[in-house]
Protein backbone atom coordinates (compact mmCIF):
# COMPACT_ATOMS: atom_id res chain seq x y z
CA UNK A 1 147.60 127.69 160.32
CA UNK A 2 148.69 124.82 158.06
CA UNK A 3 145.53 122.86 158.93
CA UNK A 4 143.35 125.85 158.02
CA UNK A 5 145.03 126.20 154.61
CA UNK A 6 144.74 122.45 154.02
CA UNK A 7 141.00 122.56 154.84
CA UNK A 8 140.49 125.51 152.50
CA UNK A 9 142.09 123.48 149.71
CA UNK A 10 140.23 120.22 150.38
CA UNK A 11 136.69 121.40 151.25
CA UNK A 12 135.85 122.81 147.79
CA UNK A 13 136.70 119.44 146.25
CA UNK A 14 134.11 117.69 148.41
CA UNK A 15 131.54 120.44 147.93
CA UNK A 16 131.71 120.41 144.15
CA UNK A 17 131.96 116.68 143.62
CA UNK A 18 128.61 115.81 145.20
CA UNK A 19 125.50 115.78 143.07
CA UNK A 20 122.18 116.18 144.83
CA UNK A 21 119.09 114.10 144.06
CA UNK A 22 117.48 117.32 142.84
CA UNK A 23 120.31 117.76 140.32
CA UNK A 24 119.85 114.17 139.13
CA UNK A 25 116.10 114.70 138.67
CA UNK A 26 116.79 117.88 136.68
CA UNK A 27 119.34 116.03 134.55
CA UNK A 28 116.80 113.36 133.66
CA UNK A 29 114.23 115.96 132.57
CA UNK A 30 116.86 117.99 130.72
CA UNK A 31 117.84 114.79 128.89
CA UNK A 32 114.34 114.62 127.43
CA UNK A 33 114.47 118.20 126.18
CA UNK A 34 118.00 117.76 124.86
CA UNK A 35 116.72 114.76 122.90
CA UNK A 36 113.90 116.89 121.51
CA UNK A 37 116.27 119.70 120.53
CA UNK A 38 118.67 117.30 118.80
CA UNK A 39 115.85 115.17 117.29
CA UNK A 40 117.31 112.11 119.02
CA UNK A 41 114.65 109.45 119.67
CA UNK A 42 117.12 107.35 121.68
CA UNK A 43 117.66 110.17 124.20
CA UNK A 44 113.92 110.78 124.37
CA UNK A 45 113.12 107.12 125.03
CA UNK A 46 115.96 106.86 127.58
CA UNK A 47 114.36 109.60 129.70
CA UNK A 48 111.18 107.54 130.25
CA UNK A 49 110.44 104.45 132.33
CA UNK A 50 109.12 101.42 130.44
CA UNK A 51 105.54 102.05 131.62
CA UNK A 52 105.52 105.86 131.30
CA UNK A 53 102.45 107.90 130.38
CA UNK A 54 102.41 111.10 128.31
CA UNK A 55 99.32 113.32 128.32
CA UNK A 56 98.17 116.83 127.36
CA UNK A 57 95.22 118.80 128.64
CA UNK A 58 93.48 120.44 125.68
CA UNK A 59 91.93 123.93 125.68
CA UNK A 60 88.47 122.50 126.35
CA UNK A 61 89.73 120.41 129.28
CA UNK A 62 89.91 117.02 127.59
CA UNK A 63 92.94 114.84 128.28
CA UNK A 64 94.79 113.57 125.22
CA UNK A 65 97.02 110.48 125.56
CA UNK A 66 100.14 110.21 123.47
CA UNK A 67 102.21 107.08 122.83
CA UNK A 68 105.80 107.73 123.90
CA UNK A 69 107.37 105.67 121.12
CA UNK A 70 105.26 107.52 118.51
CA UNK A 71 106.17 110.83 120.15
CA UNK A 72 109.89 109.99 119.98
CA UNK A 73 109.62 108.94 116.32
CA UNK A 74 107.78 112.14 115.36
CA UNK A 75 110.36 114.30 117.15
CA UNK A 76 113.22 112.40 115.45
CA UNK A 77 111.80 113.45 112.07
CA UNK A 78 112.07 117.16 112.94
CA UNK A 79 115.01 119.16 111.66
CA UNK A 80 117.80 119.18 114.28
CA UNK A 81 117.56 122.30 116.42
CA UNK A 82 114.08 123.23 115.18
CA UNK A 83 112.34 122.25 118.44
CA UNK A 84 113.23 123.99 121.68
CA UNK A 85 111.34 123.85 124.93
CA UNK A 86 112.65 126.34 127.48
CA UNK A 87 111.73 125.28 130.99
CA UNK A 88 112.04 126.71 134.47
CA UNK A 89 112.29 124.33 137.41
CA UNK A 90 109.88 126.03 139.79
CA UNK A 91 109.13 123.22 142.23
CA UNK A 92 110.86 119.90 142.89
CA UNK A 93 109.63 117.56 145.61
CA UNK A 94 111.42 114.28 146.38
CA UNK A 95 110.50 111.49 148.76
CA UNK A 96 112.65 108.39 148.46
CA UNK A 97 112.24 107.01 144.94
CA UNK A 98 109.49 109.45 143.90
CA UNK A 99 109.92 112.97 142.55
CA UNK A 100 107.30 115.50 141.50
CA UNK A 101 108.41 118.41 139.32
CA UNK A 102 106.56 121.49 138.03
CA UNK A 103 108.11 123.30 135.05
CA UNK A 104 106.55 126.30 133.31
CA UNK A 105 107.79 126.40 129.72
CA UNK A 106 107.88 128.24 126.41
CA UNK A 107 108.06 126.23 123.20
CA UNK A 108 109.83 127.47 120.07
CA UNK A 109 109.68 126.00 116.58
CA UNK A 110 112.46 127.05 114.20
CA UNK A 111 113.36 129.84 116.61
CA UNK A 112 109.85 131.32 116.68
CA UNK A 113 107.57 131.26 119.70
CA UNK A 114 104.82 128.64 119.33
CA UNK A 115 103.12 128.24 122.72
CA UNK A 116 103.63 128.06 126.48
CA UNK A 117 102.24 126.13 129.42
CA UNK A 118 103.28 123.98 132.34
CA UNK A 119 104.68 120.45 132.53
CA UNK A 120 103.88 118.32 135.56
CA UNK A 121 106.34 115.41 135.90
CA UNK A 122 106.33 112.37 138.12
CA UNK A 123 109.67 110.55 138.18
CA UNK A 124 110.69 107.26 139.75
CA UNK A 125 114.15 106.15 140.77
CA UNK A 126 114.96 102.61 139.75
CA UNK A 127 118.41 101.01 139.52
CA UNK A 128 119.84 104.30 140.77
CA UNK A 129 118.42 106.25 137.79
CA UNK A 130 115.62 108.80 137.69
CA UNK A 131 113.13 108.08 134.90
CA UNK A 132 110.03 109.99 133.87
CA UNK A 133 106.96 107.94 134.75
CA UNK A 134 104.30 110.50 133.93
CA UNK A 135 103.99 113.86 132.19
CA UNK A 136 100.89 115.93 131.75
CA UNK A 137 101.09 119.41 130.27
CA UNK A 138 99.03 122.42 129.35
CA UNK A 139 99.41 124.35 126.10
CA UNK A 140 98.31 127.88 125.28
CA UNK A 141 99.29 130.88 123.20
CA UNK A 142 98.02 133.58 125.58
CA UNK A 143 99.30 134.77 128.96
CA UNK A 144 102.85 133.71 128.14
CA UNK A 145 105.95 135.48 129.51
CA UNK A 146 107.90 135.81 126.24
């Protein structure tokens, strides 16, 4: 009986103290969006690997490249709290030091709906940290689940 009570007290400690790789991947991505929401270019840059690529697919199907440093600077000039991207982690795949993540999103500017789409992330784990290596997203104003 005493062993059973002891196990009931100890097991939750072990269960709650472990963080899964999936949680760490989510935390890295959430760090980017927290940086956007707080207009913090340091947080934005920290989310990316040194050789990361940021792209958007336009309405007509062209791919637009965006410089990450320029992106971070432009976001840092926004009023704090004026940019909010609400994401849903719908699919996370991890194999060793590579993660692929699909996140439908809605974007709000100054609390008003702006557009929606999907982010496709590729992350790499280096020095025990998950960093965003590649993002490509879609953007639209129709067929959004507001």
